[in-house]
Protein backbone atom coordinates (compact mmCIF):
# COMPACT_ATOMS: atom_id res chain seq x y z
CA UNK A 1 0.00 0.00 0.00
CA UNK A 2 1.56 3.34 -1.03
CA UNK A 3 2.25 5.73 1.83
CA UNK A 4 3.73 8.63 -0.14
CA UNK A 5 0.61 10.01 -1.88
CA UNK A 6 0.56 12.93 0.56
CA UNK A 7 -2.63 12.00 2.42
CA UNK A 8 -3.48 10.76 5.89
CA UNK A 9 -4.52 7.11 5.56
CA UNK A 10 -6.88 7.11 8.53
CA UNK A 11 -8.69 10.19 7.25
CA UNK A 12 -8.83 8.67 3.78
CA UNK A 13 -10.41 5.48 5.16
CA UNK A 14 -13.03 7.43 7.11
CA UNK A 15 -13.98 9.56 4.12
CA UNK A 16 -14.05 6.52 1.86
CA UNK A 17 -16.55 4.80 4.19
CA UNK A 18 -18.71 7.91 4.17
CA UNK A 19 -18.73 8.10 0.39
CA UNK A 20 -19.59 4.40 0.03
CA UNK A 21 -22.58 4.90 2.31
CA UNK A 22 -23.67 7.93 0.32
CA UNK A 23 -23.31 6.02 -2.92
CA UNK A 24 -25.51 3.18 -1.62
CA UNK A 25 -28.16 5.65 -0.47
CA UNK A 26 -28.19 7.49 -3.80
CA UNK A 27 -28.49 4.41 -6.00
CA UNK A 28 -31.20 2.07 -4.66
CA UNK A 29 -32.50 1.16 -8.13
CA UNK A 30 -29.02 0.38 -9.43
CA UNK A 31 -28.35 -1.75 -6.35
CA UNK A 32 -31.65 -3.58 -6.87
CA UNK A 33 -30.94 -4.17 -10.56
CA UNK A 34 -27.48 -5.52 -9.71
CA UNK A 35 -28.94 -7.81 -7.08
CA UNK A 36 -31.50 -9.23 -9.50
CA UNK A 37 -28.98 -10.01 -12.27
CA UNK A 38 -28.40 -13.51 -10.93
CA UNK A 39 -28.02 -15.20 -14.31
CA UNK A 40 -25.25 -12.86 -15.48
CA UNK A 41 -21.75 -14.10 -14.75
CA UNK A 42 -20.58 -11.74 -12.02
CA UNK A 43 -24.00 -10.04 -12.22
CA UNK A 44 -22.85 -7.85 -15.12
CA UNK A 45 -22.81 -8.18 -18.95
CA UNK A 46 -19.00 -8.15 -18.88
CA UNK A 47 -17.01 -8.88 -15.74
CA UNK A 48 -14.90 -5.72 -16.01
CA UNK A 49 -18.08 -3.76 -15.17
CA UNK A 50 -17.46 -4.86 -11.58
CA UNK A 51 -14.51 -2.46 -11.47
CA UNK A 52 -16.46 0.06 -9.43
CA UNK A 53 -15.52 1.89 -6.27
CA UNK A 54 -19.06 1.72 -4.86
CA UNK A 55 -19.48 -2.05 -4.74
CA UNK A 56 -21.97 -2.18 -7.62
CA UNK A 57 -22.17 -0.31 -10.92
CA UNK A 58 -24.39 2.61 -11.82
CA UNK A 59 -27.06 1.42 -14.27
CA UNK A 60 -27.54 3.67 -17.30
CA UNK A 61 -30.97 4.92 -18.31
CA UNK A 62 -29.94 7.27 -21.12
CA UNK A 63 -26.92 9.10 -22.47
CA UNK A 64 -26.43 11.94 -24.90
CA UNK A 65 -23.36 13.98 -25.78
CA UNK A 66 -21.15 14.26 -22.69
CA UNK A 67 -23.90 13.44 -20.20
CA UNK A 68 -25.29 10.22 -18.70
CA UNK A 69 -28.43 9.71 -16.61
CA UNK A 70 -28.75 6.65 -14.37
CA UNK A 71 -31.90 4.71 -13.51
CA UNK A 72 -32.10 6.52 -10.16
CA UNK A 73 -32.43 9.80 -12.06
CA UNK A 74 -28.96 11.21 -11.36
CA UNK A 75 -27.18 13.10 -14.13
CA UNK A 76 -23.43 12.97 -14.66
CA UNK A 77 -20.86 14.81 -16.69
CA UNK A 78 -19.22 11.81 -18.33
CA UNK A 79 -15.45 12.06 -18.61
CA UNK A 80 -15.18 8.27 -18.92
CA UNK A 81 -16.94 8.10 -22.30
CA UNK A 82 -16.88 4.33 -22.41
CA UNK A 83 -13.12 4.29 -21.76
CA UNK A 84 -12.63 5.88 -25.21
CA UNK A 85 -15.44 3.95 -26.95
CA UNK A 86 -17.66 7.06 -26.83
CA UNK A 87 -14.97 9.65 -27.52
CA UNK A 88 -17.31 10.99 -30.22
CA UNK A 89 -19.89 11.61 -27.47
CA UNK A 90 -22.91 9.49 -26.71
CA UNK A 91 -25.17 8.89 -29.72
CA UNK A 92 -23.89 11.70 -31.97
CA UNK A 93 -26.62 12.65 -34.44
CA UNK A 94 -24.72 11.79 -37.66
CA UNK A 95 -23.97 8.27 -36.37
CA UNK A 96 -27.56 7.72 -35.23
CA UNK A 97 -28.80 8.87 -38.63
CA UNK A 98 -26.35 6.68 -40.54
CA UNK A 99 -27.12 3.56 -38.50
CA UNK A 100 -30.87 4.17 -38.64
CA UNK A 101 -30.72 4.59 -42.40
CA UNK A 102 -28.72 1.40 -42.75
CA UNK A 103 -31.01 -0.66 -40.52
CA UNK A 104 -34.44 0.87 -41.14
CA UNK A 105 -34.28 2.19 -44.69
CA UNK A 106 -31.68 0.12 -46.53
CA UNK A 107 -31.69 -2.99 -44.35
CA UNK A 108 -28.94 -5.55 -43.96
CA UNK A 109 -27.19 -5.57 -40.59
CA UNK A 110 -25.05 -8.53 -41.60
CA UNK A 111 -24.71 -9.54 -45.24
CA UNK A 112 -21.09 -10.69 -45.55
CA UNK A 113 -20.94 -8.43 -48.62
CA UNK A 114 -19.10 -5.13 -48.98
CA UNK A 115 -20.71 -1.69 -48.95
CA UNK A 116 -19.43 1.54 -50.43
CA UNK A 117 -19.14 2.95 -46.91
CA UNK A 118 -16.20 0.62 -46.29
CA UNK A 119 -14.23 2.14 -49.16
CA UNK A 120 -14.87 5.65 -47.86
CA UNK A 121 -13.69 4.57 -44.40
CA UNK A 122 -10.56 3.03 -45.87
CA UNK A 123 -9.81 6.24 -47.76
CA UNK A 124 -10.28 8.35 -44.62
CA UNK A 125 -8.15 6.09 -42.44
CA UNK A 126 -5.41 6.16 -45.07
CA UNK A 127 -5.57 9.97 -45.15
CA UNK A 128 -5.36 10.29 -41.40
CA UNK A 129 -2.76 7.66 -40.53
CA UNK A 130 -0.69 7.38 -43.72
CA UNK A 131 -1.03 3.61 -44.19
CA UNK A 132 -2.61 2.79 -47.57
CA UNK A 133 -4.43 -0.52 -47.01
CA UNK A 134 -7.09 -1.33 -44.38
CA UNK A 135 -9.10 -4.27 -43.13
CA UNK A 136 -11.74 -4.48 -40.42
CA UNK A 137 -12.63 -6.32 -37.23
CA UNK A 138 -15.19 -5.80 -34.48
CA UNK A 139 -12.68 -4.91 -31.76
CA UNK A 140 -9.15 -3.58 -31.55
CA UNK A 141 -8.25 -6.78 -29.70
CA UNK A 142 -9.13 -8.78 -32.80
CA UNK A 143 -7.31 -6.31 -35.02
CA UNK A 144 -4.20 -6.85 -32.90
CA UNK A 145 -4.59 -10.63 -32.98
CA UNK A 146 -4.91 -10.67 -36.74
CA UNK A 147 -1.97 -8.32 -37.22
CA UNK A 148 0.16 -10.59 -35.04
CA UNK A 149 -0.76 -13.64 -37.12
CA UNK A 150 0.02 -11.86 -40.37
CA UNK A 151 3.40 -10.66 -39.17
CA UNK A 152 4.41 -14.03 -37.78
CA UNK A 153 3.55 -15.53 -41.15
CA UNK A 154 5.40 -13.02 -43.27
CA UNK A 155 8.47 -12.80 -41.01
CA UNK A 156 8.86 -16.48 -40.16
CA UNK A 157 9.52 -15.47 -36.55
CA UNK A 158 7.54 -16.62 -33.54
CA UNK A 159 7.71 -13.94 -30.85
CA UNK A 160 5.95 -10.62 -30.24
CA UNK A 161 7.55 -7.90 -28.15
CA UNK A 162 5.44 -5.58 -26.00
CA UNK A 163 6.04 -2.98 -23.31
CA UNK A 164 5.65 -3.82 -19.65
CA UNK A 165 2.11 -2.98 -18.44
CA UNK A 166 0.95 -2.16 -21.96
CA UNK A 167 -2.68 -2.50 -22.99
CA UNK A 168 -3.74 -4.30 -26.17
CA UNK A 169 -7.06 -5.73 -25.03
CA UNK A 170 -7.05 -9.43 -24.17
CA UNK A 171 -4.27 -10.38 -26.60
CA UNK A 172 -2.49 -13.34 -24.97
CA UNK A 173 0.94 -12.25 -26.13
CA UNK A 174 0.62 -8.86 -24.39
CA UNK A 175 0.16 -10.18 -20.83
CA UNK A 176 3.83 -10.08 -19.91
CA UNK A 177 5.74 -7.65 -17.69
CA UNK A 178 9.33 -7.05 -16.70
CA UNK A 179 9.89 -8.96 -13.46
CA UNK A 180 12.11 -7.99 -10.52
CA UNK A 181 15.10 -9.74 -12.10
CA UNK A 182 14.64 -7.87 -15.37
CA UNK A 183 13.34 -10.95 -17.21
CA UNK A 184 9.84 -11.25 -18.59
CA UNK A 185 7.15 -12.88 -16.43
CA UNK A 186 3.42 -13.45 -16.76
CA UNK A 187 1.40 -10.45 -15.67
CA UNK A 188 -0.41 -10.93 -12.37
CA UNK A 189 -4.05 -11.93 -12.90
CA UNK A 190 -3.52 -13.47 -16.35
CA UNK A 191 -6.48 -15.85 -16.81
CA UNK A 192 -6.18 -19.17 -18.61
CA UNK A 193 -2.99 -18.52 -20.54
CA UNK A 194 -2.67 -21.14 -23.32
CA UNK A 195 1.05 -21.36 -22.68
CA UNK A 196 3.71 -19.65 -20.59
CA UNK A 197 3.71 -16.14 -22.03
CA UNK A 198 7.51 -16.12 -22.20
CA UNK A 199 7.31 -18.75 -24.96
CA UNK A 200 5.34 -16.36 -27.18
CA UNK A 201 6.53 -12.95 -26.10
CA UNK A 202 9.38 -10.69 -25.13
CA UNK A 203 9.06 -7.52 -23.10
CA UNK A 204 10.90 -4.26 -22.60
CA UNK A 205 10.12 -1.20 -20.51
CA UNK A 206 8.62 1.78 -22.30
CA UNK A 207 11.24 4.52 -22.85
CA UNK A 208 14.08 1.98 -22.60
CA UNK A 209 15.89 1.65 -25.92
CA UNK A 210 18.73 -0.40 -24.46
CA UNK A 211 16.28 -2.93 -23.09
CA UNK A 212 14.46 -3.06 -26.40
CA UNK A 213 17.66 -3.70 -28.33
CA UNK A 214 18.69 -6.42 -25.90
CA UNK A 215 15.45 -8.29 -26.62
CA UNK A 216 15.48 -7.70 -30.38
CA UNK A 217 19.03 -9.03 -30.59
CA UNK A 218 17.70 -12.57 -30.06
CA UNK A 219 16.52 -12.43 -33.66
CA UNK A 220 13.16 -14.13 -33.03
CA UNK A 221 10.81 -11.12 -32.74
CA UNK A 222 8.28 -10.87 -35.57
CA UNK A 223 6.86 -7.56 -34.41
CA UNK A 224 6.94 -4.92 -31.71
CA UNK A 225 3.35 -4.21 -30.67
CA UNK A 226 3.16 -0.95 -28.78
CA UNK A 227 1.11 2.09 -27.90
CA UNK A 228 2.94 5.31 -28.82
CA UNK A 229 2.18 6.32 -25.22
CA UNK A 230 1.11 3.91 -22.50
CA UNK A 231 -2.48 4.54 -21.46
CA UNK A 232 -4.27 1.89 -19.42
CA UNK A 233 -1.68 1.86 -16.64
CA UNK A 234 -1.95 5.63 -16.56
CA UNK A 235 -0.65 7.93 -19.27
CA UNK A 236 3.10 7.44 -19.76
CA UNK A 237 4.43 9.75 -22.44
CA UNK A 238 7.47 9.00 -24.61
CA UNK A 239 10.72 10.78 -23.81
CA UNK A 240 12.35 12.79 -26.61
CA UNK A 241 13.82 10.52 -29.27
CA UNK A 242 12.36 7.31 -27.89
CA UNK A 243 9.83 6.56 -30.63
CA UNK A 244 12.33 7.39 -33.36
CA UNK A 245 14.74 5.03 -31.64
CA UNK A 246 12.15 2.25 -31.61
CA UNK A 247 11.60 2.64 -35.34
CA UNK A 248 15.33 2.64 -36.04
CA UNK A 249 15.93 -0.48 -33.94
CA UNK A 250 13.04 -2.43 -35.42
CA UNK A 251 14.35 -1.72 -38.89
CA UNK A 252 17.90 -2.64 -37.89
CA UNK A 253 16.77 -6.01 -36.53
CA UNK A 254 14.27 -6.79 -39.29
CA UNK A 255 11.27 -6.55 -36.99
CA UNK A 256 7.87 -5.12 -37.91
CA UNK A 257 6.31 -2.31 -35.88
CA UNK A 258 2.63 -2.16 -34.90
CA UNK A 259 1.22 1.05 -33.42
CA UNK A 260 -1.92 0.38 -31.38
CA UNK A 261 -3.78 3.70 -31.50
CA UNK A 262 -6.98 2.53 -29.82
CA UNK A 263 -6.47 4.91 -26.88
CA UNK A 264 -3.77 7.20 -28.27
CA UNK A 265 -6.22 8.27 -30.99
CA UNK A 266 -6.92 11.05 -28.48
CA UNK A 267 -3.67 12.70 -29.63
CA UNK A 268 -5.36 14.07 -32.75
CA UNK A 269 -7.26 13.26 -35.95
CA UNK A 270 -4.51 10.83 -37.01
CA UNK A 271 -3.62 9.76 -33.50
CA UNK A 272 -0.06 9.88 -32.26
CA UNK A 273 1.11 8.46 -35.60
CA UNK A 274 0.22 11.66 -37.43
CA UNK A 275 0.83 14.03 -34.52
CA UNK A 276 4.36 12.72 -33.97
CA UNK A 277 5.22 11.71 -37.56
CA UNK A 278 5.55 7.99 -36.83
CA UNK A 279 6.00 5.32 -39.50
CA UNK A 280 4.63 1.95 -38.35
CA UNK A 281 4.25 -1.07 -40.62
CA UNK A 282 0.82 -1.77 -39.14
CA UNK A 283 -1.61 0.42 -37.24
CA UNK A 284 -4.46 -0.98 -35.15
CA UNK A 285 -7.42 0.93 -33.80
CA UNK A 286 -10.94 0.41 -32.52
CA UNK A 287 -13.53 1.78 -30.11
CA UNK A 288 -13.83 5.49 -30.91
CA UNK A 289 -13.85 5.33 -34.71
CA UNK A 290 -17.33 3.74 -34.73
CA UNK A 291 -19.01 6.35 -32.56
CA UNK A 292 -20.02 3.66 -30.09
CA UNK A 293 -20.82 0.92 -32.62
CA UNK A 294 -18.41 -2.06 -32.41
CA UNK A 295 -15.58 -1.82 -34.92
CA UNK A 296 -11.86 -2.42 -35.16
CA UNK A 297 -9.43 -1.82 -37.99
CA UNK A 298 -5.86 -2.44 -39.00
CA UNK A 299 -3.84 -0.64 -41.64
CA UNK A 300 -0.89 -2.05 -43.57
CA UNK A 301 2.02 -0.42 -45.31
CA UNK A 302 2.25 -0.96 -49.05
CA UNK A 303 5.36 -3.12 -48.71
CA UNK A 304 3.72 -5.35 -46.12
CA UNK A 305 0.48 -5.69 -48.08
CA UNK A 306 2.43 -6.67 -51.20
CA UNK A 307 4.47 -9.21 -49.25
CA UNK A 308 1.34 -10.83 -47.80
CA UNK A 309 -0.67 -10.89 -51.01
CA UNK A 310 2.33 -12.32 -52.83
CA UNK A 311 2.38 -15.40 -50.60
CA UNK A 312 0.44 -18.21 -52.29
CA UNK A 313 0.84 -20.38 -49.18
CA UNK A 314 -1.19 -18.06 -46.94
CA UNK A 315 -4.94 -18.60 -46.82
CA UNK A 316 -6.19 -15.04 -46.43
CA UNK A 317 -9.70 -15.85 -47.66
CA UNK A 318 -11.09 -18.76 -45.69
CA UNK A 319 -9.48 -20.58 -42.75
CA UNK A 320 -6.28 -18.62 -42.26
CA UNK A 321 -7.35 -17.32 -38.87
CA UNK A 322 -7.76 -13.75 -40.13
CA UNK A 323 -11.38 -12.77 -40.36
CA UNK A 324 -14.77 -12.81 -38.69
CA UNK A 325 -18.24 -13.19 -40.14
CA UNK A 326 -19.47 -9.85 -38.79
CA UNK A 327 -16.27 -7.90 -39.46
CA UNK A 328 -16.80 -5.03 -41.87
CA UNK A 329 -20.58 -5.37 -41.58
CA UNK A 330 -22.78 -2.64 -43.10
CA UNK A 331 -23.82 -1.14 -39.76
CA UNK A 332 -20.24 -0.81 -38.47
CA UNK A 333 -19.10 0.71 -41.73
CA UNK A 334 -21.97 3.21 -41.83
CA UNK A 335 -21.25 4.25 -38.24
CA UNK A 336 -17.51 4.56 -38.84
CA UNK A 337 -17.98 6.62 -41.98
CA UNK A 338 -20.27 9.04 -40.13
CA UNK A 339 -17.95 9.25 -37.11
CA UNK A 340 -14.82 9.97 -39.11
CA UNK A 341 -16.31 12.34 -41.69
CA UNK A 342 -18.84 14.23 -39.56
CA UNK A 343 -18.05 13.90 -35.83
CA UNK A 344 -14.38 13.32 -34.97
CA UNK A 345 -13.19 15.78 -37.59
CA UNK A 346 -10.01 17.82 -37.60
CA UNK A 347 -11.92 20.83 -36.23
CA UNK A 348 -13.57 18.71 -33.53
CA UNK A 349 -10.19 17.49 -32.33
CA UNK A 350 -8.90 21.04 -32.08
CA UNK A 351 -11.78 21.88 -29.75
CA UNK A 352 -11.43 18.66 -27.74
CA UNK A 353 -7.72 19.22 -27.18
CA UNK A 354 -8.31 22.83 -26.12
CA UNK A 355 -10.92 21.64 -23.60
CA UNK A 356 -8.53 18.97 -22.35
CA UNK A 357 -5.81 21.56 -21.90
CA UNK A 358 -8.18 23.63 -19.75
CA UNK A 359 -8.92 20.48 -17.75
CA UNK A 360 -5.22 19.71 -17.28
CA UNK A 361 -4.32 23.29 -16.34
CA UNK A 362 -7.10 23.49 -13.77
CA UNK A 363 -6.28 20.15 -12.14
CA UNK A 364 -2.60 21.01 -12.02
CA UNK A 365 -3.40 24.31 -10.29
CA UNK A 366 -5.56 22.54 -7.68
CA UNK A 367 -2.93 19.90 -6.98
CA UNK A 368 -0.18 22.48 -6.60
CA UNK A 369 -2.42 24.68 -4.45
CA UNK A 370 -2.94 21.82 -2.01
CA UNK A 371 0.78 20.98 -1.98
CA UNK A 372 0.25 17.40 -3.15
CA UNK A 373 3.10 15.34 -4.68
CA UNK A 374 0.99 14.47 -7.73
CA UNK A 375 1.31 15.25 -11.43
CA UNK A 376 -0.89 15.66 -14.50
CA UNK A 377 -0.33 14.03 -17.89
CA UNK A 378 -2.11 15.00 -21.11
CA UNK A 379 -2.37 13.12 -24.39
CA UNK A 380 -4.39 15.34 -26.71
CA UNK A 381 -8.01 15.06 -25.58
CA UNK A 382 -7.10 12.72 -22.71
CA UNK A 383 -5.92 13.88 -19.26
CA UNK A 384 -4.94 12.00 -16.13
CA UNK A 385 -3.84 12.95 -12.66
CA UNK A 386 -1.18 10.73 -11.15
CA UNK A 387 -0.21 10.09 -7.54
CA UNK A 388 3.46 10.65 -8.34
CA UNK A 389 5.66 13.61 -9.23
CA UNK A 390 7.46 13.55 -11.56
CA UNK A 391 5.17 11.41 -13.66
CA UNK A 392 6.31 7.80 -14.23
CA UNK A 393 8.46 7.06 -17.28
CA UNK A 394 7.55 3.40 -17.78
CA UNK A 395 4.83 0.90 -16.99
CA UNK A 396 6.48 -0.63 -13.95
CA UNK A 397 6.98 2.78 -12.34
CA UNK A 398 3.40 3.66 -13.20
CA UNK A 399 2.01 0.48 -11.65
CA UNK A 400 4.09 1.10 -8.50
CA UNK A 401 2.63 4.61 -8.12
CA UNK A 402 -0.95 3.35 -8.01
CA UNK A 403 -3.00 3.95 -4.87
CA UNK A 404 -6.24 1.99 -5.12
CA UNK A 405 -7.83 3.34 -1.94
CA UNK A 406 -7.16 6.95 -2.87
CA UNK A 407 -8.34 6.39 -6.41
CA UNK A 408 -11.58 4.75 -5.23
CA UNK A 409 -12.28 7.60 -2.82
CA UNK A 410 -11.86 10.21 -5.53
CA UNK A 411 -14.02 8.26 -7.98
CA UNK A 412 -16.79 7.87 -5.39
CA UNK A 413 -16.63 11.47 -4.24
CA UNK A 414 -16.92 12.65 -7.84
CA UNK A 415 -19.65 10.16 -8.78
CA UNK A 416 -21.74 11.14 -5.75
CA UNK A 417 -21.65 14.72 -7.07
CA UNK A 418 -22.33 14.03 -10.73
CA UNK A 419 -18.88 13.44 -12.27
CA UNK A 420 -17.76 10.16 -13.89
CA UNK A 421 -14.12 9.24 -14.53
CA UNK A 422 -12.81 6.06 -16.15
CA UNK A 423 -13.06 3.44 -13.38
CA UNK A 424 -9.70 1.81 -14.20
CA UNK A 425 -7.65 4.93 -13.47
CA UNK A 426 -7.99 8.70 -13.10
CA UNK A 427 -8.51 9.38 -16.79
CA UNK A 428 -10.76 12.11 -18.14
CA UNK A 429 -11.56 12.21 -21.85
CA UNK A 430 -13.08 15.09 -23.79
CA UNK A 431 -15.66 14.61 -26.56
CA UNK A 432 -16.81 17.18 -29.11
CA UNK A 433 -19.79 17.76 -26.80
CA UNK A 434 -17.71 18.37 -23.64
CA UNK A 435 -17.72 22.03 -22.62
CA UNK A 436 -15.54 24.26 -20.49
CA UNK A 437 -18.51 24.49 -18.11
CA UNK A 438 -18.29 20.69 -17.71
CA UNK A 439 -14.60 21.05 -16.95
CA UNK A 440 -15.28 23.81 -14.42
CA UNK A 441 -17.83 21.58 -12.72
CA UNK A 442 -15.21 18.85 -12.36
CA UNK A 443 -12.72 21.30 -10.90
CA UNK A 444 -15.26 22.55 -8.35
CA UNK A 445 -15.97 19.00 -7.13
CA UNK A 446 -12.36 17.83 -7.36
CA UNK A 447 -11.21 20.84 -5.38
CA UNK A 448 -13.77 20.07 -2.68
CA UNK A 449 -12.58 16.46 -2.59
CA UNK A 450 -9.00 17.57 -2.00
CA UNK A 451 -10.07 20.02 0.71
CA UNK A 452 -12.03 17.33 2.55
CA UNK A 453 -9.16 14.89 2.19
CA UNK A 454 -6.53 17.25 3.56
CA UNK A 455 -8.71 18.81 6.28
């Protein structure tokens, strides 16, 4: 348990108990709904929904823009936004119209046939990210899995290298961390691994070029799969020259590079890849590009696409392990086209990033005003406050700086006063619908939380 977050632990525990009681009193209908969900595994549609500081989740009644209303009638400014899935805002009108037209007017939710929307989406993704060829999935996890299979096939190498405490969905190869000895070990909590993860993967710390080169020198790494900035362990930004060094080393050792932009898409219209002039061989993305409708995508460089399509021994049509009956379905493609061309536009990102900067500046001022040893990290439209200063430089440092009790208290205090953060960490995301007034409301409540915590 961390003891250097700058707070009195006994006071924190007392306040946490108070906020849990308040949460239970405010949400009787959510508690009742949770109690009645006996035939759901873990009582929720997906077990990660049990990651809640209050003991049971808030049940949603409706959501629009940057606001959510629960079944007990409480309204929230939503800075979670589906942990990036609703970065376009909840039910943006162009997406609703496109999906309604596809389902109600044109018909065909799943046809296993292409639509013209898919070509428009491919063109727009190529414009934004610089990779010319695109294929689709229903999640970024699947996009990552398929990219891994393709790169193992084309390289003839077996291993995938990731960063310690990275996030690439439930990809088996990514659940490896740097252990105390410096060697890779299975990440704590890994469920049902098909094999010891060290037989499929190598690992290096983020921002550690020497460690990366040491692992690449084995000559068995098909691809480096990485986020341009770590996100799900808390935002960890690259140090100057690090990403250029990764690209140089992967080329030197004949290893492909995959940029997973599922969360780092917050950096701008073309994610970190465009914002920081990166040159991956493959780019994977999901969540936000569909405006809330399930979709994933992966883009390939021209050289890689030619190498794959030139291989007569690879079954890329039927049973090659790359595909999915519902991938690229008409509804997903209609939603993605509307999201990219009408909602998450270049102008929208400019506004989102400006709002996020106001959020970051205000939080930083509050933290400094209370003399807390915390820091604030910003990645475009995404902001996070950290219980460490300076901010961590790699995943292991970031994991070590976590303070679950403090985090839960802050989440509960905010939720009880109409503010939602991402439940996995202290991340706040801005949508095109998020306003400076929403940000000011957060700062008012967050400031009160700090004052009550410090007495």
